């Protein structure tokens, strides 16, 4: 709250995203106080998208109803799976009944909500993933984000993997799971508008799209990031240190980077190519031969001066983006 009031930046905001950790642990009155502070400082535009991340194990019917009266107009539910064994493996605090209740009650009180689902979980097979999707789709969520399990270093799962206690699905299996998710959702008229994101028409996440298209944003709280005037700011990560810095000097920023033209172009390629909008060819100083090669492989589409990934290209996005970035870095002419 103090950081919001102290920020030197001003202007109307179009989206708010309250995430990081488990903000649904807060009381609705505390959420409302944060939103009131943001409204007082920034005067959000009419119809601003205001999202709260919620864990199914921390919300019930009473809380969901109360949250709908705080100014929150979109929930992002960290479901991950409808399978009890997968939830236990992932160490989630909720079970499949919590998941069903969260979906049912959220659908009653919010027109707009998103659900996260995960694939590539050890022990998961195609039949299990298909059943997850079938159950999820029965609640007709307007937005679904599907993520491949990523195991970070120095975590319990990373130790289990190194010890051979668990085994990840093969690359071919993960590709097949990605295709199963994509086919299942697009087959039900969801738009695949970003590598990991699917939505009903008109329900794409405006906050995330601003990030992917390199719009400016302000971040508040421990480990938050800000991008304004081509300058990137980062707050200290440790929560205790964050509180101390805010009390001592009124800011918790510990890193400030002014982006170069090359940084900016690289970010545009890395971020915008994730979306179905793609990137304007004017922004890419790369070889026509590479673009033609990627087009011939069926990885990109080039139309009316824009380049975007195909469905196959989204699956192989890392390779496509790396090849384009490498080509850019060899070219000294940077568009401004």
C-alpha atoms as a PDB file:
ATOM      1  CA  UNK A   1       0.000   0.000   0.000  1.00  0.00           C
ATOM      2  CA  UNK A   2       2.809   2.374   0.904  1.00  0.00           C
ATOM      3  CA  UNK A   3       4.613   1.623  -2.354  1.00  0.00           C
ATOM      4  CA  UNK A   4       1.470   2.317  -4.397  1.00  0.00           C
ATOM      5  CA  UNK A   5       1.060   5.694  -2.743  1.00  0.00           C
ATOM      6  CA  UNK A   6       4.740   6.585  -3.138  1.00  0.00           C
ATOM      7  CA  UNK A   7       5.178   5.718  -6.819  1.00  0.00           C
ATOM      8  CA  UNK A   8       6.097   8.736  -8.974  1.00  0.00           C
ATOM      9  CA  UNK A   9       4.266   7.304 -11.967  1.00  0.00           C
ATOM     10  CA  UNK A  10       0.767   8.491 -12.787  1.00  0.00           C
ATOM     11  CA  UNK A  11      -1.927   8.015 -15.386  1.00  0.00           C
ATOM     12  CA  UNK A  12      -4.960   5.821 -15.930  1.00  0.00           C
ATOM     13  CA  UNK A  13      -4.503   2.058 -15.858  1.00  0.00           C
ATOM     14  CA  UNK A  14      -6.358  -0.491 -17.981  1.00  0.00           C
ATOM     15  CA  UNK A  15      -5.650  -3.695 -16.060  1.00  0.00           C
ATOM     16  CA  UNK A  16      -4.768  -4.841 -12.549  1.00  0.00           C
ATOM     17  CA  UNK A  17      -3.373  -8.288 -11.729  1.00  0.00           C
ATOM     18  CA  UNK A  18      -3.038  -9.301  -8.078  1.00  0.00           C
ATOM     19  CA  UNK A  19      -0.829 -12.394  -8.037  1.00  0.00           C
ATOM     20  CA  UNK A  20       2.403 -13.789  -6.695  1.00  0.00           C
ATOM     21  CA  UNK A  21       2.190 -16.204  -3.779  1.00  0.00           C
ATOM     22  CA  UNK A  22      -1.424 -16.850  -2.834  1.00  0.00           C
ATOM     23  CA  UNK A  23      -3.273 -13.506  -2.624  1.00  0.00           C
ATOM     24  CA  UNK A  24      -6.586 -15.314  -2.118  1.00  0.00           C
ATOM     25  CA  UNK A  25      -5.384 -15.964   1.454  1.00  0.00           C
ATOM     26  CA  UNK A  26      -6.127 -12.289   2.117  1.00  0.00           C
ATOM     27  CA  UNK A  27      -9.522 -11.320   3.450  1.00  0.00           C
ATOM     28  CA  UNK A  28     -11.885  -9.723   0.900  1.00  0.00           C
ATOM     29  CA  UNK A  29     -11.726  -6.502   2.930  1.00  0.00           C
ATOM     30  CA  UNK A  30      -7.934  -6.443   2.482  1.00  0.00           C
ATOM     31  CA  UNK A  31      -8.275  -7.035  -1.261  1.00  0.00           C
ATOM     32  CA  UNK A  32     -10.813  -4.221  -1.431  1.00  0.00           C
ATOM     33  CA  UNK A  33      -8.430  -1.874   0.401  1.00  0.00           C
ATOM     34  CA  UNK A  34      -5.712  -2.570  -2.197  1.00  0.00           C
ATOM     35  CA  UNK A  35      -8.122  -1.918  -5.062  1.00  0.00           C
ATOM     36  CA  UNK A  36      -9.368   1.288  -3.437  1.00  0.00           C
ATOM     37  CA  UNK A  37      -5.765   2.480  -3.105  1.00  0.00           C
ATOM     38  CA  UNK A  38      -5.111   1.722  -6.779  1.00  0.00           C
ATOM     39  CA  UNK A  39      -8.301   3.531  -7.790  1.00  0.00           C
ATOM     40  CA  UNK A  40      -7.354   6.528  -5.679  1.00  0.00           C
ATOM     41  CA  UNK A  41      -3.870   6.694  -7.212  1.00  0.00           C
ATOM     42  CA  UNK A  42      -4.468   5.730 -10.833  1.00  0.00           C
ATOM     43  CA  UNK A  43      -8.192   6.040 -11.658  1.00  0.00           C
ATOM     44  CA  UNK A  44      -8.582   2.846 -13.726  1.00  0.00           C
ATOM     45  CA  UNK A  45     -10.426   3.262 -17.017  1.00  0.00           C
ATOM     46  CA  UNK A  46     -14.060   2.194 -17.229  1.00  0.00           C
ATOM     47  CA  UNK A  47     -14.244  -1.562 -17.666  1.00  0.00           C
ATOM     48  CA  UNK A  48     -10.672  -2.151 -16.491  1.00  0.00           C
ATOM     49  CA  UNK A  49      -9.787  -5.836 -16.139  1.00  0.00           C
ATOM     50  CA  UNK A  50      -9.041  -6.538 -12.457  1.00  0.00           C
ATOM     51  CA  UNK A  51      -7.792 -10.082 -11.810  1.00  0.00           C
ATOM     52  CA  UNK A  52      -7.051 -11.962  -8.599  1.00  0.00           C
ATOM     53  CA  UNK A  53      -5.111 -15.231  -8.528  1.00  0.00           C
ATOM     54  CA  UNK A  54      -6.899 -17.787  -6.381  1.00  0.00           C
ATOM     55  CA  UNK A  55      -5.990 -21.222  -5.061  1.00  0.00           C
ATOM     56  CA  UNK A  56      -9.004 -23.585  -4.881  1.00  0.00           C
ATOM     57  CA  UNK A  57      -7.956 -24.526  -1.341  1.00  0.00           C
ATOM     58  CA  UNK A  58      -8.302 -20.936  -0.108  1.00  0.00           C
ATOM     59  CA  UNK A  59     -11.719 -19.976  -1.487  1.00  0.00           C
ATOM     60  CA  UNK A  60     -15.243 -21.086  -0.684  1.00  0.00           C
ATOM     61  CA  UNK A  61     -18.673 -19.898  -1.789  1.00  0.00           C
ATOM     62  CA  UNK A  62     -18.798 -17.157   0.856  1.00  0.00           C
ATOM     63  CA  UNK A  63     -15.360 -15.814  -0.103  1.00  0.00           C
ATOM     64  CA  UNK A  64     -16.020 -15.946  -3.850  1.00  0.00           C
ATOM     65  CA  UNK A  65     -19.272 -14.051  -3.359  1.00  0.00           C
ATOM     66  CA  UNK A  66     -17.490 -11.476  -1.198  1.00  0.00           C
ATOM     67  CA  UNK A  67     -14.642 -11.091  -3.720  1.00  0.00           C
ATOM     68  CA  UNK A  68     -17.151 -10.322  -6.462  1.00  0.00           C
ATOM     69  CA  UNK A  69     -18.120  -7.204  -4.483  1.00  0.00           C
ATOM     70  CA  UNK A  70     -14.584  -5.864  -3.968  1.00  0.00           C
ATOM     71  CA  UNK A  71     -13.947  -4.579  -7.498  1.00  0.00           C
ATOM     72  CA  UNK A  72     -12.377  -7.847  -8.668  1.00  0.00           C
ATOM     73  CA  UNK A  73     -14.027  -8.811 -11.969  1.00  0.00           C
ATOM     74  CA  UNK A  74     -11.853 -11.763 -12.993  1.00  0.00           C
ATOM     75  CA  UNK A  75     -10.456 -14.740 -11.061  1.00  0.00           C
ATOM     76  CA  UNK A  76      -7.470 -16.808 -12.192  1.00  0.00           C
ATOM     77  CA  UNK A  77      -7.802 -20.218 -10.552  1.00  0.00           C
ATOM     78  CA  UNK A  78      -4.630 -22.254 -10.020  1.00  0.00           C
ATOM     79  CA  UNK A  79      -6.327 -25.593 -10.572  1.00  0.00           C
ATOM     80  CA  UNK A  80      -3.431 -27.537 -12.208  1.00  0.00           C
ATOM     81  CA  UNK A  81      -5.339 -30.838 -12.313  1.00  0.00           C
ATOM     82  CA  UNK A  82      -8.634 -32.545 -11.533  1.00  0.00           C
ATOM     83  CA  UNK A  83      -6.798 -35.777 -10.715  1.00  0.00           C
ATOM     84  CA  UNK A  84      -6.282 -36.449  -6.958  1.00  0.00           C
ATOM     85  CA  UNK A  85      -3.013 -38.334  -7.480  1.00  0.00           C
ATOM     86  CA  UNK A  86      -1.548 -35.556  -9.614  1.00  0.00           C
ATOM     87  CA  UNK A  87      -2.583 -32.916  -7.084  1.00  0.00           C
ATOM     88  CA  UNK A  88      -0.867 -34.842  -4.285  1.00  0.00           C
ATOM     89  CA  UNK A  89       2.260 -35.270  -6.404  1.00  0.00           C
ATOM     90  CA  UNK A  90       2.354 -31.524  -7.113  1.00  0.00           C
ATOM     91  CA  UNK A  91       1.996 -30.774  -3.401  1.00  0.00           C
ATOM     92  CA  UNK A  92      -1.160 -28.724  -3.857  1.00  0.00           C
ATOM     93  CA  UNK A  93      -3.154 -27.785  -0.775  1.00  0.00           C
ATOM     94  CA  UNK A  94      -6.471 -28.488  -2.527  1.00  0.00           C
ATOM     95  CA  UNK A  95      -8.100 -31.715  -3.658  1.00  0.00           C
ATOM     96  CA  UNK A  96     -10.391 -32.546  -6.581  1.00  0.00           C
ATOM     97  CA  UNK A  97     -13.516 -31.588  -4.602  1.00  0.00           C
ATOM     98  CA  UNK A  98     -12.046 -28.153  -3.882  1.00  0.00           C
ATOM     99  CA  UNK A  99     -11.388 -27.834  -7.619  1.00  0.00           C
ATOM    100  CA  UNK A 100     -14.955 -28.707  -8.586  1.00  0.00           C
ATOM    101  CA  UNK A 101     -16.430 -26.365  -5.991  1.00  0.00           C
ATOM    102  CA  UNK A 102     -14.140 -23.502  -7.012  1.00  0.00           C
ATOM    103  CA  UNK A 103     -15.158 -23.887 -10.658  1.00  0.00           C
ATOM    104  CA  UNK A 104     -18.867 -24.173  -9.846  1.00  0.00           C
ATOM    105  CA  UNK A 105     -18.984 -21.220  -7.463  1.00  0.00           C
ATOM    106  CA  UNK A 106     -16.748 -18.991  -9.560  1.00  0.00           C
ATOM    107  CA  UNK A 107     -18.971 -19.599 -12.591  1.00  0.00           C
ATOM    108  CA  UNK A 108     -21.959 -18.410 -10.545  1.00  0.00           C
ATOM    109  CA  UNK A 109     -20.417 -15.109  -9.482  1.00  0.00           C
ATOM    110  CA  UNK A 110     -17.908 -14.187 -12.211  1.00  0.00           C
ATOM    111  CA  UNK A 111     -18.590 -13.858 -15.929  1.00  0.00           C
ATOM    112  CA  UNK A 112     -14.852 -13.784 -16.590  1.00  0.00           C
ATOM    113  CA  UNK A 113     -12.410 -16.261 -15.075  1.00  0.00           C
ATOM    114  CA  UNK A 114      -9.389 -18.304 -16.058  1.00  0.00           C
ATOM    115  CA  UNK A 115      -8.191 -21.766 -15.073  1.00  0.00           C
ATOM    116  CA  UNK A 116      -4.609 -23.086 -15.091  1.00  0.00           C
ATOM    117  CA  UNK A 117      -4.028 -26.700 -16.053  1.00  0.00           C
ATOM    118  CA  UNK A 118      -0.750 -28.610 -16.223  1.00  0.00           C
ATOM    119  CA  UNK A 119       0.559 -31.398 -18.439  1.00  0.00           C
ATOM    120  CA  UNK A 120       3.818 -33.359 -18.583  1.00  0.00           C
ATOM    121  CA  UNK A 121       3.408 -34.520 -14.976  1.00  0.00           C
ATOM    122  CA  UNK A 122       5.286 -37.738 -14.080  1.00  0.00           C
ATOM    123  CA  UNK A 123       2.862 -40.635 -14.298  1.00  0.00           C
ATOM    124  CA  UNK A 124       0.379 -38.682 -16.402  1.00  0.00           C
ATOM    125  CA  UNK A 125      -0.795 -40.399 -19.561  1.00  0.00           C
ATOM    126  CA  UNK A 126      -2.911 -39.222 -22.479  1.00  0.00           C
ATOM    127  CA  UNK A 127      -6.084 -40.774 -21.087  1.00  0.00           C
ATOM    128  CA  UNK A 128      -5.595 -38.969 -17.768  1.00  0.00           C
ATOM    129  CA  UNK A 129      -4.939 -35.636 -19.473  1.00  0.00           C
ATOM    130  CA  UNK A 130      -7.959 -36.132 -21.726  1.00  0.00           C
ATOM    131  CA  UNK A 131     -10.126 -36.798 -18.664  1.00  0.00           C
ATOM    132  CA  UNK A 132      -8.760 -33.654 -16.976  1.00  0.00           C
ATOM    133  CA  UNK A 133      -9.722 -31.590 -20.010  1.00  0.00           C
ATOM    134  CA  UNK A 134     -13.157 -33.196 -20.268  1.00  0.00           C
ATOM    135  CA  UNK A 135     -13.948 -32.409 -16.631  1.00  0.00           C
ATOM    136  CA  UNK A 136     -12.611 -28.874 -16.943  1.00  0.00           C
ATOM    137  CA  UNK A 137     -14.571 -28.134 -20.115  1.00  0.00           C
ATOM    138  CA  UNK A 138     -17.814 -29.209 -18.433  1.00  0.00           C
ATOM    139  CA  UNK A 139     -17.590 -25.954 -16.424  1.00  0.00           C
ATOM    140  CA  UNK A 140     -17.111 -23.872 -19.590  1.00  0.00           C
ATOM    141  CA  UNK A 141     -14.359 -21.537 -18.317  1.00  0.00           C
ATOM    142  CA  UNK A 142     -13.926 -18.474 -20.570  1.00  0.00           C
ATOM    143  CA  UNK A 143     -10.127 -18.773 -20.423  1.00  0.00           C
ATOM    144  CA  UNK A 144      -7.703 -21.674 -19.961  1.00  0.00           C
ATOM    145  CA  UNK A 145      -3.922 -21.551 -19.549  1.00  0.00           C
ATOM    146  CA  UNK A 146      -2.105 -24.845 -20.151  1.00  0.00           C
ATOM    147  CA  UNK A 147       1.473 -25.199 -18.930  1.00  0.00           C
ATOM    148  CA  UNK A 148       4.025 -27.969 -19.213  1.00  0.00           C
ATOM    149  CA  UNK A 149       5.418 -28.925 -15.800  1.00  0.00           C
ATOM    150  CA  UNK A 150       8.698 -27.121 -15.254  1.00  0.00           C
ATOM    151  CA  UNK A 151      10.977 -28.431 -12.506  1.00  0.00           C
ATOM    152  CA  UNK A 152      13.156 -25.749 -10.927  1.00  0.00           C
ATOM    153  CA  UNK A 153      16.610 -26.386  -9.487  1.00  0.00           C
ATOM    154  CA  UNK A 154      16.981 -27.101  -5.760  1.00  0.00           C
ATOM    155  CA  UNK A 155      13.351 -28.105  -5.291  1.00  0.00           C
ATOM    156  CA  UNK A 156      12.034 -31.420  -3.909  1.00  0.00           C
ATOM    157  CA  UNK A 157      10.956 -32.453  -7.411  1.00  0.00           C
ATOM    158  CA  UNK A 158      14.419 -31.707  -8.827  1.00  0.00           C
ATOM    159  CA  UNK A 159      16.005 -33.936  -6.170  1.00  0.00           C
ATOM    160  CA  UNK A 160      13.516 -36.717  -6.893  1.00  0.00           C
ATOM    161  CA  UNK A 161      14.304 -36.419 -10.596  1.00  0.00           C
ATOM    162  CA  UNK A 162      18.082 -36.570 -10.065  1.00  0.00           C
ATOM    163  CA  UNK A 163      17.712 -39.578  -7.747  1.00  0.00           C
ATOM    164  CA  UNK A 164      15.570 -41.393 -10.305  1.00  0.00           C
ATOM    165  CA  UNK A 165      12.558 -41.499  -7.996  1.00  0.00           C
ATOM    166  CA  UNK A 166      10.440 -39.889 -10.696  1.00  0.00           C
ATOM    167  CA  UNK A 167      10.680 -39.839 -14.472  1.00  0.00           C
ATOM    168  CA  UNK A 168       9.383 -37.105 -16.739  1.00  0.00           C
ATOM    169  CA  UNK A 169       7.426 -38.005 -19.870  1.00  0.00           C
ATOM    170  CA  UNK A 170       9.584 -38.242 -22.990  1.00  0.00           C
ATOM    171  CA  UNK A 171       9.852 -35.272 -25.345  1.00  0.00           C
ATOM    172  CA  UNK A 172       7.616 -37.089 -27.821  1.00  0.00           C
ATOM    173  CA  UNK A 173       5.029 -37.696 -25.104  1.00  0.00           C
ATOM    174  CA  UNK A 174       5.096 -34.026 -24.076  1.00  0.00           C
ATOM    175  CA  UNK A 175       4.658 -32.962 -27.703  1.00  0.00           C
ATOM    176  CA  UNK A 176       1.691 -35.317 -28.011  1.00  0.00           C
ATOM    177  CA  UNK A 177       0.215 -33.892 -24.788  1.00  0.00           C
ATOM    178  CA  UNK A 178       0.632 -30.328 -26.068  1.00  0.00           C
ATOM    179  CA  UNK A 179      -1.154 -31.314 -29.270  1.00  0.00           C
ATOM    180  CA  UNK A 180      -3.891 -33.061 -27.285  1.00  0.00           C
ATOM    181  CA  UNK A 181      -4.506 -29.894 -25.256  1.00  0.00           C
ATOM    182  CA  UNK A 182      -4.478 -27.676 -28.336  1.00  0.00           C
ATOM    183  CA  UNK A 183      -6.747 -29.937 -30.391  1.00  0.00           C
ATOM    184  CA  UNK A 184      -9.178 -30.454 -27.500  1.00  0.00           C
ATOM    185  CA  UNK A 185      -9.556 -26.744 -26.784  1.00  0.00           C
ATOM    186  CA  UNK A 186      -9.557 -25.346 -30.313  1.00  0.00           C
ATOM    187  CA  UNK A 187     -12.026 -28.119 -31.178  1.00  0.00           C
ATOM    188  CA  UNK A 188     -14.357 -26.559 -28.594  1.00  0.00           C
ATOM    189  CA  UNK A 189     -14.018 -23.088 -30.165  1.00  0.00           C
ATOM    190  CA  UNK A 190     -11.335 -21.742 -27.863  1.00  0.00           C
ATOM    191  CA  UNK A 191      -8.933 -19.346 -29.577  1.00  0.00           C
ATOM    192  CA  UNK A 192      -5.261 -20.281 -29.207  1.00  0.00           C
ATOM    193  CA  UNK A 193      -4.088 -16.681 -28.918  1.00  0.00           C
ATOM    194  CA  UNK A 194      -0.784 -17.218 -27.079  1.00  0.00           C
ATOM    195  CA  UNK A 195       1.485 -20.252 -26.727  1.00  0.00           C
ATOM    196  CA  UNK A 196      -0.001 -21.292 -23.360  1.00  0.00           C
ATOM    197  CA  UNK A 197      -3.343 -19.453 -23.517  1.00  0.00           C
ATOM    198  CA  UNK A 198      -6.775 -20.279 -24.910  1.00  0.00           C
ATOM    199  CA  UNK A 199      -9.930 -18.200 -24.622  1.00  0.00           C
ATOM    200  CA  UNK A 200     -13.481 -17.777 -25.758  1.00  0.00           C
ATOM    201  CA  UNK A 201     -13.898 -14.857 -28.132  1.00  0.00           C
ATOM    202  CA  UNK A 202     -13.546 -11.598 -26.208  1.00  0.00           C
ATOM    203  CA  UNK A 203     -12.045 -13.243 -23.107  1.00  0.00           C
ATOM    204  CA  UNK A 204      -8.310 -13.082 -23.762  1.00  0.00           C
ATOM    205  CA  UNK A 205      -6.334 -11.839 -20.757  1.00  0.00           C
ATOM    206  CA  UNK A 206      -5.815  -8.130 -21.434  1.00  0.00           C
ATOM    207  CA  UNK A 207      -3.198  -7.851 -18.707  1.00  0.00           C
ATOM    208  CA  UNK A 208      -1.041 -10.611 -20.155  1.00  0.00           C
ATOM    209  CA  UNK A 209      -1.466  -9.292 -23.704  1.00  0.00           C
ATOM    210  CA  UNK A 210      -0.139  -5.922 -22.563  1.00  0.00           C
ATOM    211  CA  UNK A 211       2.928  -7.756 -21.250  1.00  0.00           C
ATOM    212  CA  UNK A 212       3.393  -9.850 -24.413  1.00  0.00           C
ATOM    213  CA  UNK A 213       3.065  -6.758 -26.620  1.00  0.00           C
ATOM    214  CA  UNK A 214       5.593  -4.881 -24.465  1.00  0.00           C
ATOM    215  CA  UNK A 215       3.218  -2.355 -23.014  1.00  0.00           C
ATOM    216  CA  UNK A 216       4.314  -0.466 -19.920  1.00  0.00           C
ATOM    217  CA  UNK A 217       3.410  -1.829 -16.496  1.00  0.00           C
ATOM    218  CA  UNK A 218       3.978  -1.087 -12.809  1.00  0.00           C
ATOM    219  CA  UNK A 219       4.820  -3.749 -10.238  1.00  0.00           C
ATOM    220  CA  UNK A 220       4.314  -3.472  -6.476  1.00  0.00           C
ATOM    221  CA  UNK A 221       5.539  -5.809  -3.757  1.00  0.00           C
ATOM    222  CA  UNK A 222       8.518  -8.068  -3.143  1.00  0.00           C
ATOM    223  CA  UNK A 223      10.212  -9.240  -6.360  1.00  0.00           C
ATOM    224  CA  UNK A 224       7.892  -7.100  -8.520  1.00  0.00           C
ATOM    225  CA  UNK A 225       9.073  -5.781 -11.887  1.00  0.00           C
ATOM    226  CA  UNK A 226       8.229  -2.507 -13.631  1.00  0.00           C
ATOM    227  CA  UNK A 227       8.720  -1.359 -17.226  1.00  0.00           C
ATOM    228  CA  UNK A 228       8.362   2.362 -17.955  1.00  0.00           C
ATOM    229  CA  UNK A 229      10.048   4.585 -20.545  1.00  0.00           C
ATOM    230  CA  UNK A 230      12.199   1.637 -21.712  1.00  0.00           C
ATOM    231  CA  UNK A 231      13.604   1.293 -18.196  1.00  0.00           C
ATOM    232  CA  UNK A 232      13.184  -1.914 -16.221  1.00  0.00           C
ATOM    233  CA  UNK A 233      13.002  -1.784 -12.408  1.00  0.00           C
ATOM    234  CA  UNK A 234      13.162  -4.744 -10.027  1.00  0.00           C
ATOM    235  CA  UNK A 235      12.188  -4.843  -6.358  1.00  0.00           C
ATOM    236  CA  UNK A 236      14.147  -6.863  -3.829  1.00  0.00           C
ATOM    237  CA  UNK A 237      12.949 -10.475  -3.622  1.00  0.00           C
ATOM    238  CA  UNK A 238      13.045 -11.170   0.120  1.00  0.00           C
ATOM    239  CA  UNK A 239       9.810 -10.097   1.829  1.00  0.00           C
ATOM    240  CA  UNK A 240      11.449  -9.072   5.118  1.00  0.00           C
ATOM    241  CA  UNK A 241      14.058  -7.007   3.277  1.00  0.00           C
ATOM    242  CA  UNK A 242      11.303  -5.471   1.136  1.00  0.00           C
ATOM    243  CA  UNK A 243       9.432  -4.260   4.222  1.00  0.00           C
ATOM    244  CA  UNK A 244      12.640  -2.892   5.744  1.00  0.00           C
ATOM    245  CA  UNK A 245      13.610  -0.993   2.588  1.00  0.00           C
ATOM    246  CA  UNK A 246      10.139   0.504   2.246  1.00  0.00           C
ATOM    247  CA  UNK A 247      10.288   1.723   5.843  1.00  0.00           C
ATOM    248  CA  UNK A 248      13.842   3.065   5.546  1.00  0.00           C
ATOM    249  CA  UNK A 249      13.842   4.728   2.132  1.00  0.00           C
ATOM    250  CA  UNK A 250      10.337   4.481   0.675  1.00  0.00           C
ATOM    251  CA  UNK A 251      11.392   2.265  -2.232  1.00  0.00           C
ATOM    252  CA  UNK A 252      12.415  -1.368  -2.605  1.00  0.00           C
ATOM    253  CA  UNK A 253      13.961  -1.043  -6.070  1.00  0.00           C
ATOM    254  CA  UNK A 254      17.357  -2.768  -6.151  1.00  0.00           C
ATOM    255  CA  UNK A 255      17.979  -2.870  -9.895  1.00  0.00           C
ATOM    256  CA  UNK A 256      17.388  -0.356 -12.681  1.00  0.00           C
ATOM    257  CA  UNK A 257      18.250  -1.159 -16.294  1.00  0.00           C
ATOM    258  CA  UNK A 258      17.839   1.163 -19.259  1.00  0.00           C
ATOM    259  CA  UNK A 259      17.156  -1.027 -22.264  1.00  0.00           C
ATOM    260  CA  UNK A 260      19.233  -0.644 -25.408  1.00  0.00           C
ATOM    261  CA  UNK A 261      17.715  -0.726 -28.893  1.00  0.00           C
ATOM    262  CA  UNK A 262      18.937  -4.318 -29.255  1.00  0.00           C
ATOM    263  CA  UNK A 263      17.369  -5.259 -25.889  1.00  0.00           C
ATOM    264  CA  UNK A 264      14.085  -3.766 -27.022  1.00  0.00           C
ATOM    265  CA  UNK A 265      14.017  -5.561 -30.364  1.00  0.00           C
ATOM    266  CA  UNK A 266      15.000  -8.874 -28.756  1.00  0.00           C
ATOM    267  CA  UNK A 267      12.177  -8.528 -26.232  1.00  0.00           C
ATOM    268  CA  UNK A 268       9.662  -7.681 -28.949  1.00  0.00           C
ATOM    269  CA  UNK A 269      10.600 -10.824 -30.865  1.00  0.00           C
ATOM    270  CA  UNK A 270      10.676 -13.065 -27.790  1.00  0.00           C
ATOM    271  CA  UNK A 271       7.369 -11.786 -26.421  1.00  0.00           C
ATOM    272  CA  UNK A 272       5.255 -10.817 -29.420  1.00  0.00           C
ATOM    273  CA  UNK A 273       5.961 -13.992 -31.369  1.00  0.00           C
ATOM    274  CA  UNK A 274       4.291 -15.911 -28.531  1.00  0.00           C
ATOM    275  CA  UNK A 275       0.958 -14.402 -29.594  1.00  0.00           C
ATOM    276  CA  UNK A 276      -1.341 -14.903 -32.552  1.00  0.00           C
ATOM    277  CA  UNK A 277      -0.741 -11.265 -33.504  1.00  0.00           C
ATOM    278  CA  UNK A 278       2.935 -11.872 -34.116  1.00  0.00           C
ATOM    279  CA  UNK A 279       5.362  -9.103 -34.999  1.00  0.00           C
ATOM    280  CA  UNK A 280       5.577  -6.521 -37.766  1.00  0.00           C
ATOM    281  CA  UNK A 281       8.320  -7.374 -40.255  1.00  0.00           C
ATOM    282  CA  UNK A 282       9.509  -3.757 -40.014  1.00  0.00           C
ATOM    283  CA  UNK A 283      10.742  -4.643 -36.519  1.00  0.00           C
ATOM    284  CA  UNK A 284      12.932  -7.525 -37.727  1.00  0.00           C
ATOM    285  CA  UNK A 285      16.263  -6.847 -39.406  1.00  0.00           C
ATOM    286  CA  UNK A 286      16.844 -10.441 -40.341  1.00  0.00           C
ATOM    287  CA  UNK A 287      17.704 -12.344 -43.485  1.00  0.00           C
ATOM    288  CA  UNK A 288      14.920 -12.985 -46.023  1.00  0.00           C
ATOM    289  CA  UNK A 289      16.443 -16.440 -46.465  1.00  0.00           C
ATOM    290  CA  UNK A 290      15.738 -17.361 -42.831  1.00  0.00           C
ATOM    291  CA  UNK A 291      12.159 -16.097 -42.998  1.00  0.00           C
ATOM    292  CA  UNK A 292      11.606 -18.036 -46.231  1.00  0.00           C
ATOM    293  CA  UNK A 293      13.116 -21.177 -44.662  1.00  0.00           C
ATOM    294  CA  UNK A 294      10.882 -20.942 -41.583  1.00  0.00           C
ATOM    295  CA  UNK A 295       7.883 -20.325 -43.820  1.00  0.00           C
ATOM    296  CA  UNK A 296       8.695 -23.363 -45.956  1.00  0.00           C
ATOM    297  CA  UNK A 297       8.941 -25.509 -42.823  1.00  0.00           C
ATOM    298  CA  UNK A 298       5.448 -24.444 -41.856  1.00  0.00           C
ATOM    299  CA  UNK A 299       6.647 -22.711 -38.689  1.00  0.00           C
ATOM    300  CA  UNK A 300       5.579 -19.152 -39.494  1.00  0.00           C
ATOM    301  CA  UNK A 301       3.002 -17.328 -41.579  1.00  0.00           C
ATOM    302  CA  UNK A 302       3.888 -14.082 -43.325  1.00  0.00           C
ATOM    303  CA  UNK A 303       0.978 -11.886 -44.324  1.00  0.00           C
ATOM    304  CA  UNK A 304       0.451  -8.155 -44.890  1.00  0.00           C
ATOM    305  CA  UNK A 305       3.808  -7.269 -43.358  1.00  0.00           C
ATOM    306  CA  UNK A 306       3.329  -9.380 -40.223  1.00  0.00           C
ATOM    307  CA  UNK A 307       4.923 -12.636 -39.113  1.00  0.00           C
ATOM    308  CA  UNK A 308       3.276 -15.023 -36.676  1.00  0.00           C
ATOM    309  CA  UNK A 309       3.833 -18.585 -35.561  1.00  0.00           C
ATOM    310  CA  UNK A 310       1.722 -21.396 -36.952  1.00  0.00           C
ATOM    311  CA  UNK A 311       0.339 -24.057 -34.603  1.00  0.00           C
ATOM    312  CA  UNK A 312       3.435 -26.119 -35.425  1.00  0.00           C
ATOM    313  CA  UNK A 313       5.570 -23.027 -34.850  1.00  0.00           C
ATOM    314  CA  UNK A 314       4.069 -22.505 -31.397  1.00  0.00           C
ATOM    315  CA  UNK A 315       5.076 -26.048 -30.521  1.00  0.00           C
ATOM    316  CA  UNK A 316       8.652 -25.305 -31.663  1.00  0.00           C
ATOM    317  CA  UNK A 317       8.624 -21.655 -30.595  1.00  0.00           C
ATOM    318  CA  UNK A 318      11.931 -21.744 -28.707  1.00  0.00           C
ATOM    319  CA  UNK A 319      13.783 -22.915 -31.796  1.00  0.00           C
ATOM    320  CA  UNK A 320      12.110 -20.342 -34.086  1.00  0.00           C
ATOM    321  CA  UNK A 321      12.698 -17.448 -31.699  1.00  0.00           C
ATOM    322  CA  UNK A 322      16.344 -18.397 -31.081  1.00  0.00           C
ATOM    323  CA  UNK A 323      17.029 -18.577 -34.825  1.00  0.00           C
ATOM    324  CA  UNK A 324      15.492 -15.150 -35.423  1.00  0.00           C
ATOM    325  CA  UNK A 325      17.299 -13.601 -32.439  1.00  0.00           C
ATOM    326  CA  UNK A 326      20.612 -15.031 -33.622  1.00  0.00           C
ATOM    327  CA  UNK A 327      20.003 -13.556 -37.059  1.00  0.00           C
ATOM    328  CA  UNK A 328      19.151 -10.174 -35.514  1.00  0.00           C
ATOM    329  CA  UNK A 329      22.325 -10.105 -33.412  1.00  0.00           C
ATOM    330  CA  UNK A 330      24.432 -10.738 -36.520  1.00  0.00           C
ATOM    331  CA  UNK A 331      22.786  -7.727 -38.153  1.00  0.00           C
ATOM    332  CA  UNK A 332      24.073  -4.393 -36.867  1.00  0.00           C
ATOM    333  CA  UNK A 333      21.141  -2.372 -38.228  1.00  0.00           C
ATOM    334  CA  UNK A 334      18.574  -2.027 -35.445  1.00  0.00           C
ATOM    335  CA  UNK A 335      15.185  -0.454 -36.341  1.00  0.00           C
ATOM    336  CA  UNK A 336      14.094   2.414 -34.093  1.00  0.00           C
END
